[in-house]
Amino acid sequence: MESVAIFAILRMLFLAILAFALAMAWTPVLTFFLYKYNLGKNIRDTGETPVYSTLHAAKSGTPTMGGVLIWLTTLSVTLFFWFLGYLAPNIFGTLNFLSRSETWLPLFALVAAALVGLVDDLMNVWGVGAKTGGLRVRHRMILYAVIAAVGAWWFYFKLDWDTIHVPLFGDIIIGWWYIPLFLLVIISTAHSLNLIDGLDGLAGGVSLIIMGAYSVIAFVLHRFDLAALTAVIIGSLLAFLWFNIYPARFFMGDTGAMALGVTLGILAMLTNTALLLPIFGFLLVVESLSVILQVSAKRILGRKIFLSAPLHHHLEASGWPEPKVVMRFWVISGVMVMLGLAIFLIDRLIT
């Protein structure tokens, strides 16, 4: 068993490094394409977000859709080793991590959400759709729900999952309530990650840290193929961050934020750690709450609580330099992930 675990770790490290190298290698091609065709983010001042528009006016025109680097690299590496394993199973079979029980669904979710996000990004660039271009929030929610419904159907009807694990207590059978829970987890995670994608390196760094937690969890649960997939995503994210940290060469865009948000939700359900996700994604919860409070205050009280929402824009408007906000959010994410992993490991010992 020890040799199996060691090989799994080596495979994870190899795949992460390979994904990083591949993503770094083709980034110049992606960057050239984004700049050549002026696929830049439009930051329009519609009067509804004056603080945000003022703070980020200089970023208007910076290429978006950089998240393509993450999901396309992940898809390419996955299919490459699947194909090699198909051609020469005796030689490359152990490197193939595409499996029906562990990685089909998260990979499908990653790509499906990415394609939806890609359409949203293109609508923003071309000024099609809502006031600032792109899909309206309600339309985005509907698309999240469709993707989540496919996952809920797969888990409940195909895999017969109807339990939720409560850390430190054990499993609880919830029956058909598993379906709305699944929808809630996927939709809320996807929307929250989209909200946090507002500063250079913020969404990428937070996603990287949370993905690291699920890499550990998958390994501990002996879901080695799933751990390998998370390692590939981590390698791709590291390459993305190389170009996305302040000042960003390009933005993640909805094609990256939607893909990562939906995938993190799927990972939480696949590892039965949905109740730990709010700890791992503590900042996602805080950012969403800040928006809810801001909107509620404006409608009920007729005034704002924050200078701008989500919270990272409030801090930026308060005078915090953008890199300071981002790095402190990274630190908070790291601490919360350590707390979540500690609870997960203690739970493994006592339940």
Protein backbone atom coordinates (compact mmCIF):
# COMPACT_ATOMS: atom_id res chain seq x y z
CA MET A 1 0.00 0.00 0.00
CA GLU A 2 2.87 2.35 0.76
CA SER A 3 4.30 1.89 -2.73
CA VAL A 4 0.88 2.66 -4.24
CA ALA A 5 0.66 5.89 -2.25
CA ILE A 6 4.20 6.91 -3.18
CA PHE A 7 3.49 6.30 -6.86
CA ALA A 8 0.28 8.33 -6.59
CA ILE A 9 2.22 11.26 -5.12
CA LEU A 10 4.88 11.01 -7.81
CA ARG A 11 2.20 10.91 -10.49
CA MET A 12 0.54 13.99 -9.01
CA LEU A 13 3.82 15.90 -8.92
CA PHE A 14 4.71 14.85 -12.46
CA LEU A 15 1.32 15.84 -13.85
CA ALA A 16 1.32 19.19 -12.02
CA ILE A 17 4.78 20.06 -13.33
CA LEU A 18 3.85 18.93 -16.84
CA ALA A 19 0.64 20.99 -16.81
CA PHE A 20 2.56 24.02 -15.57
CA ALA A 21 5.20 23.65 -18.28
CA LEU A 22 2.62 23.11 -21.02
CA ALA A 23 0.55 26.11 -19.92
CA MET A 24 3.63 28.33 -19.75
CA ALA A 25 4.67 27.14 -23.21
CA TRP A 26 1.44 28.04 -24.98
CA THR A 27 0.60 31.21 -23.03
CA PRO A 28 2.41 33.43 -25.61
CA VAL A 29 0.10 32.02 -28.29
CA LEU A 30 -2.98 32.74 -26.18
CA THR A 31 -1.75 36.22 -25.28
CA PHE A 32 -1.02 37.05 -28.92
CA PHE A 33 -4.50 35.91 -29.91
CA LEU A 34 -6.24 37.89 -27.14
CA TYR A 35 -4.36 41.09 -27.92
CA LYS A 36 -4.54 40.74 -31.70
CA TYR A 37 -8.32 40.44 -31.72
CA ASN A 38 -8.82 43.02 -28.95
CA LEU A 39 -10.63 40.59 -26.68
CA GLY A 40 -10.43 43.00 -23.77
CA LYS A 41 -12.73 43.48 -20.82
CA ASN A 42 -15.04 46.46 -21.13
CA ILE A 43 -15.40 48.46 -17.92
CA ARG A 44 -18.30 50.77 -18.65
CA ASP A 45 -19.53 53.42 -16.23
CA THR A 46 -23.29 52.90 -16.18
CA GLY A 47 -23.76 54.94 -13.01
CA GLU A 48 -24.61 51.84 -10.96
CA THR A 49 -21.03 51.06 -9.88
CA PRO A 50 -19.23 54.42 -9.87
CA VAL A 51 -16.56 53.42 -7.33
CA TYR A 52 -15.65 50.25 -9.20
CA SER A 53 -15.64 52.02 -12.56
CA THR A 54 -13.33 54.73 -11.24
CA LEU A 55 -10.91 52.32 -9.58
CA HIS A 56 -10.63 50.04 -12.61
CA ALA A 57 -11.02 52.41 -15.53
CA ALA A 58 -7.34 52.01 -16.41
CA LYS A 59 -7.85 48.24 -16.80
CA SER A 60 -10.45 48.60 -19.52
CA GLY A 61 -9.24 46.78 -22.60
CA THR A 62 -7.04 44.30 -20.73
CA PRO A 63 -7.66 40.92 -22.37
CA THR A 64 -10.11 38.65 -20.62
CA MET A 65 -10.70 34.91 -21.16
CA GLY A 66 -7.28 34.05 -19.73
CA GLY A 67 -9.05 31.24 -17.89
CA VAL A 68 -8.92 29.32 -21.16
CA LEU A 69 -5.32 28.61 -20.19
CA ILE A 70 -6.50 26.68 -17.12
CA TRP A 71 -9.25 24.49 -18.47
CA LEU A 72 -7.84 23.86 -21.94
CA THR A 73 -4.49 22.80 -20.49
CA THR A 74 -6.27 20.51 -18.03
CA LEU A 75 -8.39 18.99 -20.79
CA SER A 76 -5.38 18.54 -23.08
CA VAL A 77 -3.24 16.79 -20.47
CA THR A 78 -6.13 14.54 -19.46
CA LEU A 79 -6.98 13.49 -23.00
CA PHE A 80 -3.30 13.09 -23.93
CA PHE A 81 -2.65 10.48 -21.25
CA TRP A 82 -6.00 8.82 -21.88
CA PHE A 83 -5.03 8.43 -25.54
CA LEU A 84 -1.55 7.14 -24.68
CA GLY A 85 -3.11 4.70 -22.22
CA TYR A 86 -5.47 3.51 -24.94
CA LEU A 87 -2.63 3.02 -27.44
CA ALA A 88 -0.15 1.41 -25.06
CA PRO A 89 -1.89 0.42 -21.80
CA ASN A 90 1.08 -1.59 -20.56
CA ILE A 91 3.39 1.42 -20.82
CA PHE A 92 1.20 4.47 -20.21
CA GLY A 93 -1.84 2.95 -18.52
CA THR A 94 -0.73 4.01 -15.05
CA LEU A 95 -0.56 7.66 -16.15
CA ASN A 96 -4.13 7.66 -17.43
CA PHE A 97 -6.36 9.19 -14.75
CA LEU A 98 -9.58 9.56 -16.75
CA SER A 99 -12.00 7.24 -14.96
CA ARG A 100 -15.78 6.97 -14.88
CA SER A 101 -15.97 6.73 -11.10
CA GLU A 102 -13.72 9.67 -10.25
CA THR A 103 -12.89 12.13 -13.00
CA TRP A 104 -15.50 12.02 -15.76
CA LEU A 105 -17.98 14.26 -13.96
CA PRO A 106 -15.55 16.93 -12.65
CA LEU A 107 -13.89 17.15 -16.05
CA PHE A 108 -17.26 17.46 -17.79
CA ALA A 109 -18.29 20.15 -15.29
CA LEU A 110 -15.04 22.03 -15.81
CA VAL A 111 -15.38 22.13 -19.59
CA ALA A 112 -19.16 22.71 -19.70
CA ALA A 113 -19.00 25.64 -17.29
CA ALA A 114 -15.95 27.00 -19.11
CA LEU A 115 -17.80 27.06 -22.43
CA VAL A 116 -20.74 28.88 -20.84
CA GLY A 117 -18.30 31.37 -19.34
CA LEU A 118 -16.59 31.78 -22.70
CA VAL A 119 -19.88 32.84 -24.27
CA ASP A 120 -20.42 35.29 -21.41
CA ASP A 121 -16.94 36.76 -21.91
CA LEU A 122 -17.47 37.20 -25.64
CA MET A 123 -20.79 38.91 -24.99
CA ASN A 124 -19.01 41.31 -22.62
CA VAL A 125 -16.28 42.06 -25.15
CA TRP A 126 -18.81 42.70 -27.90
CA GLY A 127 -21.16 44.64 -25.62
CA VAL A 128 -24.01 42.21 -26.12
CA GLY A 129 -26.53 41.43 -23.39
CA ALA A 130 -26.94 43.25 -20.10
CA LYS A 131 -26.08 46.92 -19.56
CA THR A 132 -22.34 46.29 -19.31
CA GLY A 133 -22.39 43.37 -21.72
CA GLY A 134 -22.56 39.69 -20.88
CA LEU A 135 -25.19 37.45 -19.33
CA ARG A 136 -27.57 38.79 -16.72
CA VAL A 137 -27.20 37.30 -13.24
CA ARG A 138 -30.48 35.39 -13.50
CA HIS A 139 -29.48 33.89 -16.85
CA ARG A 140 -26.12 32.90 -15.39
CA MET A 141 -27.89 31.26 -12.44
CA ILE A 142 -30.12 29.29 -14.80
CA LEU A 143 -27.09 27.97 -16.67
CA TYR A 144 -25.37 27.07 -13.39
CA ALA A 145 -28.54 25.22 -12.40
CA VAL A 146 -28.61 23.25 -15.65
CA ILE A 147 -25.01 22.08 -15.18
CA ALA A 148 -25.69 21.33 -11.51
CA ALA A 149 -28.84 19.39 -12.41
CA VAL A 150 -26.82 17.06 -14.62
CA GLY A 151 -24.45 16.42 -11.73
CA ALA A 152 -27.31 15.95 -9.26
CA TRP A 153 -28.95 13.44 -11.59
CA TRP A 154 -25.69 11.53 -11.96
CA PHE A 155 -25.01 11.39 -8.23
CA TYR A 156 -28.54 10.59 -7.05
CA PHE A 157 -29.84 8.28 -9.76
CA LYS A 158 -26.66 6.73 -11.20
CA LEU A 159 -24.42 6.57 -8.12
CA ASP A 160 -27.25 6.22 -5.55
CA TRP A 161 -25.88 8.96 -3.32
CA ASP A 162 -28.40 10.23 -0.76
CA THR A 163 -26.24 10.96 2.28
CA ILE A 164 -24.33 13.94 3.54
CA HIS A 165 -21.35 13.66 5.85
CA VAL A 166 -21.39 15.89 8.93
CA PRO A 167 -17.79 16.40 10.12
CA LEU A 168 -17.10 14.83 13.54
CA PHE A 169 -20.56 13.18 13.62
CA GLY A 170 -20.94 10.91 10.59
CA ASP A 171 -23.26 10.33 7.65
CA ILE A 172 -26.89 11.42 7.57
CA ILE A 173 -29.34 10.04 5.02
CA ILE A 174 -31.26 12.95 3.48
CA GLY A 175 -32.98 11.12 0.62
CA TRP A 176 -34.21 13.28 -2.25
CA TRP A 177 -33.09 16.41 -0.39
CA TYR A 178 -29.68 15.50 -1.76
CA ILE A 179 -30.73 16.98 -5.12
CA PRO A 180 -31.51 20.54 -3.90
CA LEU A 181 -28.41 20.41 -1.69
CA PHE A 182 -26.33 19.52 -4.74
CA LEU A 183 -27.85 22.40 -6.70
CA LEU A 184 -27.22 24.82 -3.82
CA VAL A 185 -23.57 23.84 -3.46
CA ILE A 186 -22.76 24.09 -7.17
CA ILE A 187 -24.68 27.30 -7.87
CA SER A 188 -23.46 29.15 -4.77
CA THR A 189 -19.83 28.14 -5.28
CA ALA A 190 -19.83 29.08 -8.96
CA HIS A 191 -21.50 32.44 -8.32
CA SER A 192 -19.23 33.24 -5.36
CA LEU A 193 -16.06 32.51 -7.30
CA ASN A 194 -17.32 34.73 -10.07
CA LEU A 195 -17.79 37.52 -7.51
CA ILE A 196 -14.28 37.21 -6.11
CA ASP A 197 -12.74 37.49 -9.57
CA GLY A 198 -12.26 41.25 -9.34
CA LEU A 199 -8.59 41.90 -8.61
CA ASP A 200 -5.38 40.71 -10.27
CA GLY A 201 -4.48 37.28 -8.94
CA LEU A 202 -7.33 37.11 -6.42
CA ALA A 203 -9.60 34.41 -7.85
CA GLY A 204 -6.66 32.42 -9.19
CA GLY A 205 -4.81 32.42 -5.87
CA VAL A 206 -7.85 31.59 -3.76
CA SER A 207 -8.86 28.81 -6.19
CA LEU A 208 -5.34 27.40 -6.12
CA ILE A 209 -5.36 27.18 -2.32
CA ILE A 210 -8.79 25.54 -2.17
CA MET A 211 -7.86 23.16 -4.99
CA GLY A 212 -4.80 22.20 -2.96
CA ALA A 213 -7.10 21.19 -0.11
CA TYR A 214 -9.11 18.93 -2.39
CA SER A 215 -5.94 17.43 -3.76
CA VAL A 216 -5.03 16.39 -0.21
CA ILE A 217 -8.54 15.15 0.52
CA ALA A 218 -8.70 13.06 -2.67
CA PHE A 219 -5.34 11.51 -1.82
CA VAL A 220 -6.34 10.69 1.76
CA LEU A 221 -9.55 9.08 0.48
CA HIS A 222 -7.47 7.00 -1.97
CA ARG A 223 -9.21 8.67 -4.92
CA PHE A 224 -5.90 8.77 -6.72
CA ASP A 225 -7.31 9.56 -10.17
CA LEU A 226 -9.22 12.50 -8.72
CA ALA A 227 -6.08 13.64 -6.93
CA ALA A 228 -4.24 13.49 -10.25
CA LEU A 229 -6.88 15.67 -11.91
CA THR A 230 -6.63 18.27 -9.15
CA ALA A 231 -2.85 18.23 -9.55
CA VAL A 232 -3.21 19.05 -13.25
CA ILE A 233 -5.56 21.92 -12.43
CA ILE A 234 -3.09 23.19 -9.82
CA GLY A 235 -0.24 23.13 -12.33
CA SER A 236 -2.37 25.02 -14.84
CA LEU A 237 -3.41 27.54 -12.18
CA LEU A 238 0.20 28.21 -11.24
CA ALA A 239 1.02 29.07 -14.84
CA PHE A 240 -2.07 31.26 -15.06
CA LEU A 241 -1.08 33.14 -11.90
CA TRP A 242 2.37 33.81 -13.36
CA PHE A 243 0.67 36.13 -15.86
CA ASN A 244 -2.33 37.19 -13.77
CA ILE A 245 -0.64 38.65 -10.70
CA TYR A 246 -0.52 42.44 -10.52
CA PRO A 247 -0.30 44.00 -13.04
CA ALA A 248 -2.24 41.32 -14.90
CA ARG A 249 -1.29 40.45 -18.46
CA PHE A 250 -4.82 39.13 -18.85
CA PHE A 251 -7.86 38.44 -16.68
CA MET A 252 -9.35 35.06 -15.81
CA GLY A 253 -12.75 35.94 -17.21
CA ASP A 254 -15.98 34.06 -16.66
CA THR A 255 -14.62 31.14 -18.68
CA GLY A 256 -12.16 30.51 -15.85
CA ALA A 257 -14.22 31.63 -12.86
CA MET A 258 -17.30 29.62 -13.82
CA ALA A 259 -15.21 26.54 -14.60
CA LEU A 260 -13.32 26.62 -11.32
CA GLY A 261 -16.39 27.45 -9.23
CA VAL A 262 -18.49 24.62 -10.62
CA THR A 263 -15.57 22.18 -10.39
CA LEU A 264 -14.88 23.02 -6.74
CA GLY A 265 -18.54 22.39 -5.97
CA ILE A 266 -18.41 19.04 -7.76
CA LEU A 267 -15.24 18.10 -5.86
CA ALA A 268 -16.97 18.90 -2.57
CA MET A 269 -19.89 16.62 -3.43
CA LEU A 270 -17.69 13.89 -4.89
CA THR A 271 -15.58 13.71 -1.71
CA ASN A 272 -18.63 14.15 0.55
CA THR A 273 -17.14 17.27 2.13
CA ALA A 274 -19.86 19.76 1.22
CA LEU A 275 -20.05 21.03 4.80
CA LEU A 276 -16.32 21.73 4.82
CA LEU A 277 -16.49 23.78 1.63
CA PRO A 278 -17.69 26.94 3.45
CA ILE A 279 -14.54 26.69 5.58
CA PHE A 280 -12.20 26.11 2.65
CA GLY A 281 -14.01 28.81 0.72
CA PHE A 282 -14.47 31.15 3.68
CA LEU A 283 -13.71 34.19 1.56
CA LEU A 284 -16.22 33.09 -1.06
CA VAL A 285 -18.87 33.14 1.67
CA VAL A 286 -17.73 36.54 2.97
CA GLU A 287 -17.67 38.07 -0.50
CA SER A 288 -21.17 36.80 -1.28
CA LEU A 289 -22.52 38.03 2.05
CA SER A 290 -21.04 41.48 1.42
CA VAL A 291 -22.97 41.70 -1.86
CA ILE A 292 -26.19 40.46 -0.25
CA LEU A 293 -25.86 43.00 2.57
CA GLN A 294 -25.06 45.81 0.14
CA VAL A 295 -28.04 45.09 -2.09
CA SER A 296 -30.38 44.62 0.88
CA ALA A 297 -29.25 47.86 2.52
CA LYS A 298 -29.77 49.84 -0.69
CA ARG A 299 -33.28 48.47 -1.14
CA ILE A 300 -34.42 48.57 2.50
CA LEU A 301 -32.46 51.46 4.01
CA GLY A 302 -31.81 53.43 0.86
CA ARG A 303 -28.08 53.63 1.50
CA LYS A 304 -24.92 51.56 1.12
CA ILE A 305 -23.03 49.72 3.86
CA PHE A 306 -19.81 49.40 1.88
CA LEU A 307 -18.11 51.88 -0.39
CA SER A 308 -18.33 49.19 -3.05
CA ALA A 309 -19.15 45.50 -3.12
CA PRO A 310 -17.92 42.78 -3.01
CA LEU A 311 -15.68 43.31 0.02
CA HIS A 312 -12.40 43.40 -1.92
CA HIS A 313 -13.61 46.48 -3.80
CA HIS A 314 -14.57 48.14 -0.50
CA LEU A 315 -11.05 47.58 0.84
CA GLU A 316 -9.59 48.88 -2.40
CA ALA A 317 -11.81 51.98 -2.23
CA SER A 318 -10.73 52.46 1.39
CA GLY A 319 -7.16 52.95 0.24
CA TRP A 320 -5.66 49.48 0.35
CA PRO A 321 -3.33 48.85 -2.62
CA GLU A 322 -4.62 46.08 -4.86
CA PRO A 323 -1.69 43.68 -4.20
CA LYS A 324 -2.17 44.14 -0.44
CA VAL A 325 -5.83 43.11 -0.65
CA VAL A 326 -4.98 40.10 -2.80
CA MET A 327 -2.11 38.79 -0.70
CA ARG A 328 -4.00 39.18 2.56
CA PHE A 329 -6.91 37.30 1.04
CA TRP A 330 -4.45 34.57 0.05
CA VAL A 331 -3.22 34.40 3.65
CA ILE A 332 -6.76 34.16 5.02
CA SER A 333 -7.58 31.43 2.49
CA GLY A 334 -4.48 29.48 3.48
CA VAL A 335 -5.36 29.64 7.18
CA MET A 336 -8.97 28.59 6.58
CA VAL A 337 -7.86 25.70 4.37
CA MET A 338 -5.53 24.50 7.13
CA LEU A 339 -8.43 24.67 9.58
CA GLY A 340 -10.69 22.76 7.22
CA LEU A 341 -8.08 20.08 6.59
CA ALA A 342 -7.50 19.71 10.33
CA ILE A 343 -11.23 19.10 10.84
CA PHE A 344 -11.26 16.65 7.91
CA LEU A 345 -8.32 14.64 9.28
CA ILE A 346 -9.68 14.58 12.85
CA ASP A 347 -12.99 13.40 11.42
CA ARG A 348 -11.19 10.59 9.60
CA LEU A 349 -9.67 9.47 12.89
CA ILE A 350 -12.84 9.42 15.00
CA THR A 351 -15.66 8.49 12.60
